[in-house]
């Protein structure tokens, strides 16, 4: 979570006006959504390729895997 807070603080540190700040936060959220969709799709295809049925994969496990894969800098925080 420290990395996320760092990225947010870089946007709202006062060097941008409100409009620019909102634009940067919007870009950040859009990127996060895109990464999550790409990761989920890639994971489902990978499971299918391995003969698994992605419909049987538990959502909490997928979320945990996505967080680890998309944020390797997080470590154990």
PDB file of N, CA and C in Angstrom:
ATOM      1  N   UNK A   1       0.809  -1.198   0.000  1.00  0.00           N
ATOM      2  CA  UNK A   1       0.000   0.000   0.000  1.00  0.00           C
ATOM      3  C   UNK A   1       0.854   1.265   0.000  1.00  0.00           C
ATOM      4  N   UNK A   2       2.077   1.157   0.463  1.00  0.00           N
ATOM      5  CA  UNK A   2       2.941   2.344   0.486  1.00  0.00           C
ATOM      6  C   UNK A   2       3.141   2.906  -0.910  1.00  0.00           C
ATOM      7  N   UNK A   3       3.281   1.995  -1.897  1.00  0.00           N
ATOM      8  CA  UNK A   3       3.486   2.451  -3.272  1.00  0.00           C
ATOM      9  C   UNK A   3       2.267   3.230  -3.765  1.00  0.00           C
ATOM     10  N   UNK A   4       1.076   2.745  -3.469  1.00  0.00           N
ATOM     11  CA  UNK A   4      -0.137   3.454  -3.871  1.00  0.00           C
ATOM     12  C   UNK A   4      -0.194   4.834  -3.222  1.00  0.00           C
ATOM     13  N   UNK A   5       0.115   4.892  -1.960  1.00  0.00           N
ATOM     14  CA  UNK A   5       0.087   6.179  -1.256  1.00  0.00           C
ATOM     15  C   UNK A   5       1.118   7.136  -1.845  1.00  0.00           C
ATOM     16  N   UNK A   6       2.284   6.618  -2.194  1.00  0.00           N
ATOM     17  CA  UNK A   6       3.324   7.440  -2.812  1.00  0.00           C
ATOM     18  C   UNK A   6       2.816   8.032  -4.126  1.00  0.00           C
ATOM     19  N   UNK A   7       2.191   7.203  -4.959  1.00  0.00           N
ATOM     20  CA  UNK A   7       1.670   7.682  -6.243  1.00  0.00           C
ATOM     21  C   UNK A   7       0.594   8.743  -6.026  1.00  0.00           C
ATOM     22  N   UNK A   8      -0.277   8.526  -5.081  1.00  0.00           N
ATOM     23  CA  UNK A   8      -1.336   9.506  -4.801  1.00  0.00           C
ATOM     24  C   UNK A   8      -0.722  10.805  -4.284  1.00  0.00           C
ATOM     25  N   UNK A   9       0.229  10.698  -3.378  1.00  0.00           N
ATOM     26  CA  UNK A   9       0.868  11.903  -2.830  1.00  0.00           C
ATOM     27  C   UNK A   9       1.601  12.695  -3.903  1.00  0.00           C
ATOM     28  N   UNK A  10       2.199  12.003  -4.873  1.00  0.00           N
ATOM     29  CA  UNK A  10       2.864  12.699  -5.974  1.00  0.00           C
ATOM     30  C   UNK A  10       1.859  13.535  -6.769  1.00  0.00           C
ATOM     31  N   UNK A  11       0.636  13.064  -6.857  1.00  0.00           N
ATOM     32  CA  UNK A  11      -0.387  13.789  -7.609  1.00  0.00           C
ATOM     33  C   UNK A  11      -0.934  14.967  -6.821  1.00  0.00           C
ATOM     34  N   UNK A  12      -1.137  14.790  -5.520  1.00  0.00           N
ATOM     35  CA  UNK A  12      -1.810  15.830  -4.738  1.00  0.00           C
ATOM     36  C   UNK A  12      -0.855  16.661  -3.883  1.00  0.00           C
ATOM     37  N   UNK A  13       0.408  16.664  -4.215  1.00  0.00           N
ATOM     38  CA  UNK A  13       1.399  17.362  -3.387  1.00  0.00           C
ATOM     39  C   UNK A  13       1.301  18.879  -3.439  1.00  0.00           C
ATOM     40  N   UNK A  14       0.385  19.413  -4.202  1.00  0.00           N
ATOM     41  CA  UNK A  14       0.203  20.856  -4.245  1.00  0.00           C
ATOM     42  C   UNK A  14       0.783  21.516  -5.471  1.00  0.00           C
ATOM     43  N   UNK A  15       1.497  20.784  -6.300  1.00  0.00           N
ATOM     44  CA  UNK A  15       2.107  21.399  -7.475  1.00  0.00           C
ATOM     45  C   UNK A  15       1.140  21.468  -8.658  1.00  0.00           C
ATOM     46  N   UNK A  16      -0.009  20.824  -8.531  1.00  0.00           N
ATOM     47  CA  UNK A  16      -1.006  20.842  -9.597  1.00  0.00           C
ATOM     48  C   UNK A  16      -2.252  21.579  -9.129  1.00  0.00           C
ATOM     49  N   UNK A  17      -2.938  22.232 -10.069  1.00  0.00           N
ATOM     50  CA  UNK A  17      -4.201  22.845  -9.686  1.00  0.00           C
ATOM     51  C   UNK A  17      -5.261  21.742  -9.575  1.00  0.00           C
ATOM     52  N   UNK A  18      -6.440  22.076  -9.085  1.00  0.00           N
ATOM     53  CA  UNK A  18      -7.485  21.074  -8.848  1.00  0.00           C
ATOM     54  C   UNK A  18      -7.846  20.298 -10.107  1.00  0.00           C
ATOM     55  N   UNK A  19      -7.935  20.988 -11.226  1.00  0.00           N
ATOM     56  CA  UNK A  19      -8.299  20.341 -12.495  1.00  0.00           C
ATOM     57  C   UNK A  19      -7.226  19.331 -12.910  1.00  0.00           C
ATOM     58  N   UNK A  20      -5.959  19.737 -12.842  1.00  0.00           N
ATOM     59  CA  UNK A  20      -4.856  18.834 -13.200  1.00  0.00           C
ATOM     60  C   UNK A  20      -4.778  17.652 -12.239  1.00  0.00           C
ATOM     61  N   UNK A  21      -5.002  17.925 -10.968  1.00  0.00           N
ATOM     62  CA  UNK A  21      -4.977  16.879  -9.958  1.00  0.00           C
ATOM     63  C   UNK A  21      -6.067  15.836 -10.248  1.00  0.00           C
ATOM     64  N   UNK A  22      -7.264  16.305 -10.534  1.00  0.00           N
ATOM     65  CA  UNK A  22      -8.370  15.399 -10.861  1.00  0.00           C
ATOM     66  C   UNK A  22      -8.046  14.589 -12.115  1.00  0.00           C
ATOM     67  N   UNK A  23      -7.453  15.232 -13.118  1.00  0.00           N
ATOM     68  CA  UNK A  23      -7.071  14.529 -14.350  1.00  0.00           C
ATOM     69  C   UNK A  23      -6.058  13.417 -14.065  1.00  0.00           C
ATOM     70  N   UNK A  24      -5.062  13.713 -13.249  1.00  0.00           N
ATOM     71  CA  UNK A  24      -4.032  12.728 -12.923  1.00  0.00           C
ATOM     72  C   UNK A  24      -4.614  11.571 -12.109  1.00  0.00           C
ATOM     73  N   UNK A  25      -5.490  11.877 -11.159  1.00  0.00           N
ATOM     74  CA  UNK A  25      -6.125  10.812 -10.385  1.00  0.00           C
ATOM     75  C   UNK A  25      -7.017   9.940 -11.276  1.00  0.00           C
ATOM     76  N   UNK A  26      -7.702  10.580 -12.206  1.00  0.00           N
ATOM     77  CA  UNK A  26      -8.535   9.837 -13.149  1.00  0.00           C
ATOM     78  C   UNK A  26      -7.684   8.893 -13.999  1.00  0.00           C
ATOM     79  N   UNK A  27      -6.524   9.376 -14.461  1.00  0.00           N
ATOM     80  CA  UNK A  27      -5.614   8.523 -15.235  1.00  0.00           C
ATOM     81  C   UNK A  27      -5.112   7.355 -14.397  1.00  0.00           C
ATOM     82  N   UNK A  28      -4.782   7.635 -13.149  1.00  0.00           N
ATOM     83  CA  UNK A  28      -4.303   6.588 -12.248  1.00  0.00           C
ATOM     84  C   UNK A  28      -5.364   5.505 -12.076  1.00  0.00           C
ATOM     85  N   UNK A  29      -6.598   5.901 -11.800  1.00  0.00           N
ATOM     86  CA  UNK A  29      -7.673   4.929 -11.619  1.00  0.00           C
ATOM     87  C   UNK A  29      -7.969   4.159 -12.895  1.00  0.00           C
ATOM     88  N   UNK A  30      -7.920   4.830 -14.009  1.00  0.00           N
ATOM     89  CA  UNK A  30      -8.146   4.167 -15.292  1.00  0.00           C
ATOM     90  C   UNK A  30      -7.079   3.101 -15.534  1.00  0.00           C
ATOM     91  N   UNK A  31      -5.844   3.429 -15.226  1.00  0.00           N
ATOM     92  CA  UNK A  31      -4.755   2.475 -15.383  1.00  0.00           C
ATOM     93  C   UNK A  31      -4.917   1.268 -14.471  1.00  0.00           C
ATOM     94  N   UNK A  32      -5.356   1.510 -13.245  1.00  0.00           N
ATOM     95  CA  UNK A  32      -5.570   0.421 -12.297  1.00  0.00           C
ATOM     96  C   UNK A  32      -6.668  -0.506 -12.806  1.00  0.00           C
ATOM     97  N   UNK A  33      -7.738   0.071 -13.299  1.00  0.00           N
ATOM     98  CA  UNK A  33      -8.827  -0.753 -13.847  1.00  0.00           C
ATOM     99  C   UNK A  33      -8.351  -1.567 -15.040  1.00  0.00           C
ATOM    100  N   UNK A  34      -7.620  -0.949 -15.931  1.00  0.00           N
ATOM    101  CA  UNK A  34      -7.109  -1.663 -17.108  1.00  0.00           C
ATOM    102  C   UNK A  34      -6.196  -2.813 -16.708  1.00  0.00           C
ATOM    103  N   UNK A  35      -5.301  -2.558 -15.762  1.00  0.00           N
ATOM    104  CA  UNK A  35      -4.397  -3.614 -15.295  1.00  0.00           C
ATOM    105  C   UNK A  35      -5.176  -4.774 -14.683  1.00  0.00           C
ATOM    106  N   UNK A  36      -6.205  -4.463 -13.912  1.00  0.00           N
ATOM    107  CA  UNK A  36      -6.997  -5.513 -13.274  1.00  0.00           C
ATOM    108  C   UNK A  36      -7.726  -6.363 -14.307  1.00  0.00           C
ATOM    109  N   UNK A  37      -8.288  -5.728 -15.316  1.00  0.00           N
ATOM    110  CA  UNK A  37      -8.993  -6.471 -16.365  1.00  0.00           C
ATOM    111  C   UNK A  37      -8.016  -7.333 -17.149  1.00  0.00           C
ATOM    112  N   UNK A  38      -6.884  -6.752 -17.528  1.00  0.00           N
ATOM    113  CA  UNK A  38      -5.877  -7.521 -18.277  1.00  0.00           C
ATOM    114  C   UNK A  38      -5.392  -8.715 -17.467  1.00  0.00           C
ATOM    115  N   UNK A  39      -5.128  -8.490 -16.193  1.00  0.00           N
ATOM    116  CA  UNK A  39      -4.631  -9.567 -15.346  1.00  0.00           C
ATOM    117  C   UNK A  39      -5.672 -10.682 -15.231  1.00  0.00           C
ATOM    118  N   UNK A  40      -6.908 -10.335 -14.991  1.00  0.00           N
ATOM    119  CA  UNK A  40      -7.959 -11.336 -14.832  1.00  0.00           C
ATOM    120  C   UNK A  40      -8.132 -12.153 -16.104  1.00  0.00           C
ATOM    121  N   UNK A  41      -8.135 -11.478 -17.230  1.00  0.00           N
ATOM    122  CA  UNK A  41      -8.283 -12.171 -18.510  1.00  0.00           C
ATOM    123  C   UNK A  41      -7.094 -13.099 -18.765  1.00  0.00           C
ATOM    124  N   UNK A  42      -5.879 -12.618 -18.513  1.00  0.00           N
ATOM    125  CA  UNK A  42      -4.685 -13.422 -18.707  1.00  0.00           C
ATOM    126  C   UNK A  42      -4.691 -14.641 -17.787  1.00  0.00           C
ATOM    127  N   UNK A  43      -5.084 -14.438 -16.548  1.00  0.00           N
ATOM    128  CA  UNK A  43      -5.140 -15.544 -15.590  1.00  0.00           C
ATOM    129  C   UNK A  43      -6.156 -16.598 -16.035  1.00  0.00           C
ATOM    130  N   UNK A  44      -7.324 -16.171 -16.481  1.00  0.00           N
ATOM    131  CA  UNK A  44      -8.354 -17.114 -16.940  1.00  0.00           C
ATOM    132  C   UNK A  44      -7.862 -17.909 -18.151  1.00  0.00           C
ATOM    133  N   UNK A  45      -7.235 -17.240 -19.104  1.00  0.00           N
ATOM    134  CA  UNK A  45      -6.714 -17.932 -20.288  1.00  0.00           C
ATOM    135  C   UNK A  45      -5.604 -18.902 -19.909  1.00  0.00           C
ATOM    136  N   UNK A  46      -4.733 -18.490 -18.986  1.00  0.00           N
ATOM    137  CA  UNK A  46      -3.649 -19.352 -18.536  1.00  0.00           C
ATOM    138  C   UNK A  46      -4.200 -20.614 -17.875  1.00  0.00           C
ATOM    139  N   UNK A  47      -5.205 -20.451 -17.037  1.00  0.00           N
ATOM    140  CA  UNK A  47      -5.815 -21.612 -16.398  1.00  0.00           C
ATOM    141  C   UNK A  47      -6.462 -22.531 -17.439  1.00  0.00           C
ATOM    142  N   UNK A  48      -7.144 -21.949 -18.394  1.00  0.00           N
ATOM    143  CA  UNK A  48      -7.783 -22.736 -19.450  1.00  0.00           C
ATOM    144  C   UNK A  48      -6.738 -23.526 -20.239  1.00  0.00           C
ATOM    145  N   UNK A  49      -5.616 -22.865 -20.571  1.00  0.00           N
ATOM    146  CA  UNK A  49      -4.526 -23.528 -21.297  1.00  0.00           C
ATOM    147  C   UNK A  49      -3.951 -24.712 -20.518  1.00  0.00           C
ATOM    148  N   UNK A  50      -4.015 -24.632 -19.193  1.00  0.00           N
ATOM    149  CA  UNK A  50      -3.498 -25.709 -18.342  1.00  0.00           C
ATOM    150  C   UNK A  50      -4.554 -26.787 -18.088  1.00  0.00           C
ATOM    151  N   UNK A  51      -5.701 -26.673 -18.760  1.00  0.00           N
ATOM    152  CA  UNK A  51      -6.756 -27.658 -18.585  1.00  0.00           C
ATOM    153  C   UNK A  51      -7.649 -27.407 -17.384  1.00  0.00           C
ATOM    154  N   UNK A  52      -7.499 -26.254 -16.775  1.00  0.00           N
ATOM    155  CA  UNK A  52      -8.315 -25.909 -15.611  1.00  0.00           C
ATOM    156  C   UNK A  52      -9.562 -25.167 -16.075  1.00  0.00           C
ATOM    157  N   UNK A  53     -10.560 -25.143 -15.236  1.00  0.00           N
ATOM    158  CA  UNK A  53     -11.769 -24.379 -15.510  1.00  0.00           C
ATOM    159  C   UNK A  53     -11.727 -23.112 -14.654  1.00  0.00           C
ATOM    160  N   UNK A  54     -11.507 -21.948 -15.264  1.00  0.00           N
ATOM    161  CA  UNK A  54     -11.387 -20.715 -14.475  1.00  0.00           C
ATOM    162  C   UNK A  54     -12.639 -20.380 -13.672  1.00  0.00           C
ATOM    163  N   UNK A  55     -13.763 -20.959 -14.034  1.00  0.00           N
ATOM    164  CA  UNK A  55     -14.989 -20.710 -13.266  1.00  0.00           C
ATOM    165  C   UNK A  55     -14.918 -21.334 -11.883  1.00  0.00           C
ATOM    166  N   UNK A  56     -13.995 -22.275 -11.695  1.00  0.00           N
ATOM    167  CA  UNK A  56     -13.855 -22.946 -10.408  1.00  0.00           C
ATOM    168  C   UNK A  56     -12.791 -22.312  -9.519  1.00  0.00           C
ATOM    169  N   UNK A  57     -12.158 -21.243  -9.993  1.00  0.00           N
ATOM    170  CA  UNK A  57     -11.113 -20.575  -9.221  1.00  0.00           C
ATOM    171  C   UNK A  57     -11.767 -19.608  -8.242  1.00  0.00           C
ATOM    172  N   UNK A  58     -11.403 -19.699  -7.003  1.00  0.00           N
ATOM    173  CA  UNK A  58     -11.997 -18.854  -5.969  1.00  0.00           C
ATOM    174  C   UNK A  58     -11.608 -17.380  -6.163  1.00  0.00           C
ATOM    175  N   UNK A  59     -12.567 -16.499  -6.111  1.00  0.00           N
ATOM    176  CA  UNK A  59     -12.328 -15.074  -6.325  1.00  0.00           C
ATOM    177  C   UNK A  59     -11.321 -14.505  -5.317  1.00  0.00           C
ATOM    178  N   UNK A  60     -11.408 -14.822  -4.022  1.00  0.00           N
ATOM    179  CA  UNK A  60     -10.393 -14.273  -3.108  1.00  0.00           C
ATOM    180  C   UNK A  60      -8.969 -14.684  -3.490  1.00  0.00           C
ATOM    181  N   UNK A  61      -8.794 -15.899  -4.003  1.00  0.00           N
ATOM    182  CA  UNK A  61      -7.466 -16.325  -4.441  1.00  0.00           C
ATOM    183  C   UNK A  61      -7.021 -15.542  -5.673  1.00  0.00           C
ATOM    184  N   UNK A  62      -7.955 -15.295  -6.589  1.00  0.00           N
ATOM    185  CA  UNK A  62      -7.639 -14.497  -7.776  1.00  0.00           C
ATOM    186  C   UNK A  62      -7.242 -13.085  -7.370  1.00  0.00           C
ATOM    187  N   UNK A  63      -7.964 -12.514  -6.436  1.00  0.00           N
ATOM    188  CA  UNK A  63      -7.657 -11.159  -5.970  1.00  0.00           C
ATOM    189  C   UNK A  63      -6.278 -11.114  -5.310  1.00  0.00           C
ATOM    190  N   UNK A  64      -5.993 -12.083  -4.473  1.00  0.00           N
ATOM    191  CA  UNK A  64      -4.689 -12.145  -3.815  1.00  0.00           C
ATOM    192  C   UNK A  64      -3.565 -12.268  -4.845  1.00  0.00           C
ATOM    193  N   UNK A  65      -3.765 -13.108  -5.839  1.00  0.00           N
ATOM    194  CA  UNK A  65      -2.765 -13.298  -6.895  1.00  0.00           C
ATOM    195  C   UNK A  65      -2.599 -12.015  -7.712  1.00  0.00           C
ATOM    196  N   UNK A  66      -3.698 -11.368  -8.031  1.00  0.00           N
ATOM    197  CA  UNK A  66      -3.636 -10.129  -8.806  1.00  0.00           C
ATOM    198  C   UNK A  66      -2.873  -9.041  -8.049  1.00  0.00           C
ATOM    199  N   UNK A  67      -3.144  -8.905  -6.767  1.00  0.00           N
ATOM    200  CA  UNK A  67      -2.454  -7.893  -5.968  1.00  0.00           C
ATOM    201  C   UNK A  67      -0.951  -8.162  -5.968  1.00  0.00           C
ATOM    202  N   UNK A  68      -0.578  -9.414  -5.780  1.00  0.00           N
ATOM    203  CA  UNK A  68       0.847  -9.763  -5.763  1.00  0.00           C
ATOM    204  C   UNK A  68       1.494  -9.548  -7.126  1.00  0.00           C
ATOM    205  N   UNK A  69       0.805  -9.961  -8.204  1.00  0.00           N
ATOM    206  CA  UNK A  69       1.370  -9.842  -9.543  1.00  0.00           C
ATOM    207  C   UNK A  69       1.435  -8.394 -10.024  1.00  0.00           C
ATOM    208  N   UNK A  70       0.438  -7.604  -9.680  1.00  0.00           N
ATOM    209  CA  UNK A  70       0.382  -6.230 -10.175  1.00  0.00           C
ATOM    210  C   UNK A  70       1.176  -5.247  -9.316  1.00  0.00           C
ATOM    211  N   UNK A  71       1.549  -5.656  -8.127  1.00  0.00           N
ATOM    212  CA  UNK A  71       2.258  -4.764  -7.215  1.00  0.00           C
ATOM    213  C   UNK A  71       3.441  -5.460  -6.557  1.00  0.00           C
ATOM    214  N   UNK A  72       4.412  -5.924  -7.330  1.00  0.00           N
ATOM    215  CA  UNK A  72       5.528  -6.657  -6.720  1.00  0.00           C
ATOM    216  C   UNK A  72       6.343  -5.814  -5.741  1.00  0.00           C
ATOM    217  N   UNK A  73       6.267  -4.494  -5.872  1.00  0.00           N
ATOM    218  CA  UNK A  73       7.038  -3.621  -4.990  1.00  0.00           C
ATOM    219  C   UNK A  73       6.434  -3.565  -3.585  1.00  0.00           C
ATOM    220  N   UNK A  74       5.237  -4.064  -3.431  1.00  0.00           N
ATOM    221  CA  UNK A  74       4.567  -3.996  -2.130  1.00  0.00           C
ATOM    222  C   UNK A  74       5.236  -4.868  -1.087  1.00  0.00           C
ATOM    223  N   UNK A  75       5.775  -5.973  -1.495  1.00  0.00           N
ATOM    224  CA  UNK A  75       6.399  -6.865  -0.525  1.00  0.00           C
ATOM    225  C   UNK A  75       5.377  -7.356   0.478  1.00  0.00           C
ATOM    226  N   UNK A  76       5.709  -7.254   1.753  1.00  0.00           N
ATOM    227  CA  UNK A  76       4.837  -7.778   2.809  1.00  0.00           C
ATOM    228  C   UNK A  76       4.107  -6.683   3.567  1.00  0.00           C
ATOM    229  N   UNK A  77       3.977  -5.505   3.016  1.00  0.00           N
ATOM    230  CA  UNK A  77       3.299  -4.447   3.779  1.00  0.00           C
ATOM    231  C   UNK A  77       1.852  -4.726   3.736  1.00  0.00           C
TER     232      UNK A  77
END
